[in-house]
Amino acid sequence: MDLIAGLPPHTAIATNKMSSTCGTALATLRFIKNKLVNFKLEHFQMI
């Protein structure tokens, strides 16, 4: 859809990635806020 608006391809791809990144970050923060993330379990998964 961004290409139809006249944006160059590299700008359109960057725009889509930015919105995806922001959505993922917001979802992660909501999970943490609602205490749905077990940090003790996550510690072992990160190693």
N, C-alpha and C. Protein backbone atom coordinates (compact mmCIF):
# COMPACT_ATOMS: atom_id res chain seq x y z
N MET A 1 0.81 -1.18 0.00
CA MET A 1 0.00 0.00 0.00
C MET A 1 0.87 1.26 0.00
N ASP A 2 2.01 1.18 0.69
CA ASP A 2 2.90 2.35 0.73
C ASP A 2 3.51 2.64 -0.63
N LEU A 3 3.71 1.59 -1.42
CA LEU A 3 4.28 1.80 -2.75
C LEU A 3 3.30 2.54 -3.65
N ILE A 4 2.01 2.29 -3.45
CA ILE A 4 0.99 2.98 -4.23
C ILE A 4 0.99 4.47 -3.90
N ALA A 5 1.32 4.79 -2.66
CA ALA A 5 1.33 6.18 -2.21
C ALA A 5 2.51 6.96 -2.79
N GLY A 6 3.42 6.28 -3.47
CA GLY A 6 4.53 6.96 -4.11
C GLY A 6 5.83 6.92 -3.32
N LEU A 7 5.88 6.15 -2.24
CA LEU A 7 7.11 6.03 -1.46
C LEU A 7 8.09 5.11 -2.17
N PRO A 8 9.37 5.40 -2.08
CA PRO A 8 10.37 4.48 -2.63
C PRO A 8 10.33 3.14 -1.88
N PRO A 9 10.72 2.05 -2.51
CA PRO A 9 10.63 0.73 -1.86
C PRO A 9 11.36 0.64 -0.53
N HIS A 10 12.57 1.21 -0.42
CA HIS A 10 13.31 1.09 0.83
C HIS A 10 12.61 1.85 1.97
N THR A 11 11.94 2.94 1.67
CA THR A 11 11.19 3.68 2.69
C THR A 11 9.95 2.92 3.10
N ALA A 12 9.26 2.32 2.15
CA ALA A 12 8.05 1.55 2.45
C ALA A 12 8.38 0.35 3.34
N ILE A 13 9.48 -0.34 3.05
CA ILE A 13 9.87 -1.49 3.86
C ILE A 13 10.25 -1.05 5.26
N ALA A 14 10.98 0.04 5.39
CA ALA A 14 11.37 0.55 6.71
C ALA A 14 10.15 0.97 7.51
N THR A 15 9.16 1.56 6.87
CA THR A 15 7.94 1.97 7.55
C THR A 15 7.22 0.77 8.13
N ASN A 16 7.12 -0.31 7.37
CA ASN A 16 6.44 -1.51 7.84
C ASN A 16 7.20 -2.16 8.99
N LYS A 17 8.51 -2.17 8.91
CA LYS A 17 9.31 -2.77 9.99
C LYS A 17 9.20 -1.95 11.27
N MET A 18 9.13 -0.64 11.14
CA MET A 18 9.02 0.22 12.31
C MET A 18 7.70 -0.01 13.03
N SER A 19 6.61 -0.13 12.31
CA SER A 19 5.31 -0.37 12.95
C SER A 19 5.27 -1.75 13.60
N SER A 20 5.90 -2.72 12.98
CA SER A 20 5.97 -4.06 13.56
C SER A 20 6.78 -4.06 14.85
N THR A 21 7.90 -3.36 14.85
CA THR A 21 8.74 -3.27 16.04
C THR A 21 8.02 -2.58 17.19
N CYS A 22 7.32 -1.50 16.89
CA CYS A 22 6.57 -0.78 17.92
C CYS A 22 5.45 -1.64 18.49
N GLY A 23 4.77 -2.39 17.65
CA GLY A 23 3.70 -3.28 18.12
C GLY A 23 4.23 -4.38 19.01
N THR A 24 5.35 -4.96 18.65
CA THR A 24 5.96 -6.01 19.47
C THR A 24 6.42 -5.46 20.81
N ALA A 25 7.01 -4.28 20.81
CA ALA A 25 7.48 -3.67 22.05
C ALA A 25 6.29 -3.36 22.98
N LEU A 26 5.21 -2.84 22.43
CA LEU A 26 4.04 -2.53 23.23
C LEU A 26 3.42 -3.79 23.82
N ALA A 27 3.33 -4.85 23.03
CA ALA A 27 2.78 -6.10 23.53
C ALA A 27 3.65 -6.67 24.66
N THR A 28 4.97 -6.59 24.51
CA THR A 28 5.88 -7.08 25.54
C THR A 28 5.71 -6.30 26.83
N LEU A 29 5.62 -4.98 26.72
CA LEU A 29 5.43 -4.16 27.92
C LEU A 29 4.10 -4.45 28.62
N ARG A 30 3.05 -4.71 27.86
CA ARG A 30 1.76 -5.05 28.46
C ARG A 30 1.82 -6.39 29.19
N PHE A 31 2.51 -7.37 28.60
CA PHE A 31 2.68 -8.65 29.28
C PHE A 31 3.42 -8.46 30.60
N ILE A 32 4.48 -7.65 30.59
CA ILE A 32 5.25 -7.40 31.81
C ILE A 32 4.40 -6.66 32.83
N LYS A 33 3.65 -5.65 32.40
CA LYS A 33 2.79 -4.87 33.29
C LYS A 33 1.74 -5.74 33.96
N ASN A 34 1.17 -6.68 33.21
CA ASN A 34 0.13 -7.57 33.75
C ASN A 34 0.71 -8.79 34.46
N LYS A 35 2.03 -8.78 34.66
CA LYS A 35 2.75 -9.84 35.37
C LYS A 35 2.53 -11.22 34.76
N LEU A 36 2.55 -11.28 33.45
CA LEU A 36 2.41 -12.54 32.74
C LEU A 36 3.76 -13.10 32.31
N VAL A 37 4.84 -12.39 32.64
CA VAL A 37 6.18 -12.84 32.30
C VAL A 37 6.86 -13.33 33.57
N ASN A 38 7.32 -14.58 33.56
CA ASN A 38 8.03 -15.16 34.69
C ASN A 38 9.53 -14.95 34.45
N PHE A 39 10.11 -13.94 35.11
CA PHE A 39 11.51 -13.60 34.86
C PHE A 39 12.47 -14.66 35.36
N LYS A 40 12.08 -15.43 36.38
CA LYS A 40 12.95 -16.51 36.85
C LYS A 40 13.08 -17.59 35.78
N LEU A 41 12.00 -17.89 35.11
CA LEU A 41 12.03 -18.87 34.03
C LEU A 41 12.76 -18.30 32.81
N GLU A 42 12.55 -17.04 32.53
CA GLU A 42 13.20 -16.39 31.38
C GLU A 42 14.71 -16.35 31.53
N HIS A 43 15.19 -16.22 32.76
CA HIS A 43 16.64 -16.16 32.99
C HIS A 43 17.32 -17.43 32.46
N PHE A 44 16.70 -18.58 32.71
CA PHE A 44 17.29 -19.83 32.24
C PHE A 44 17.18 -19.98 30.73
N GLN A 45 16.14 -19.43 30.14
CA GLN A 45 15.97 -19.55 28.70
C GLN A 45 16.94 -18.66 27.93
N MET A 46 17.40 -17.58 28.57
CA MET A 46 18.33 -16.67 27.89
C MET A 46 19.75 -17.20 27.86
N ILE A 47 20.06 -18.11 28.76
CA ILE A 47 21.44 -18.64 28.84
C ILE A 47 21.71 -19.62 27.74
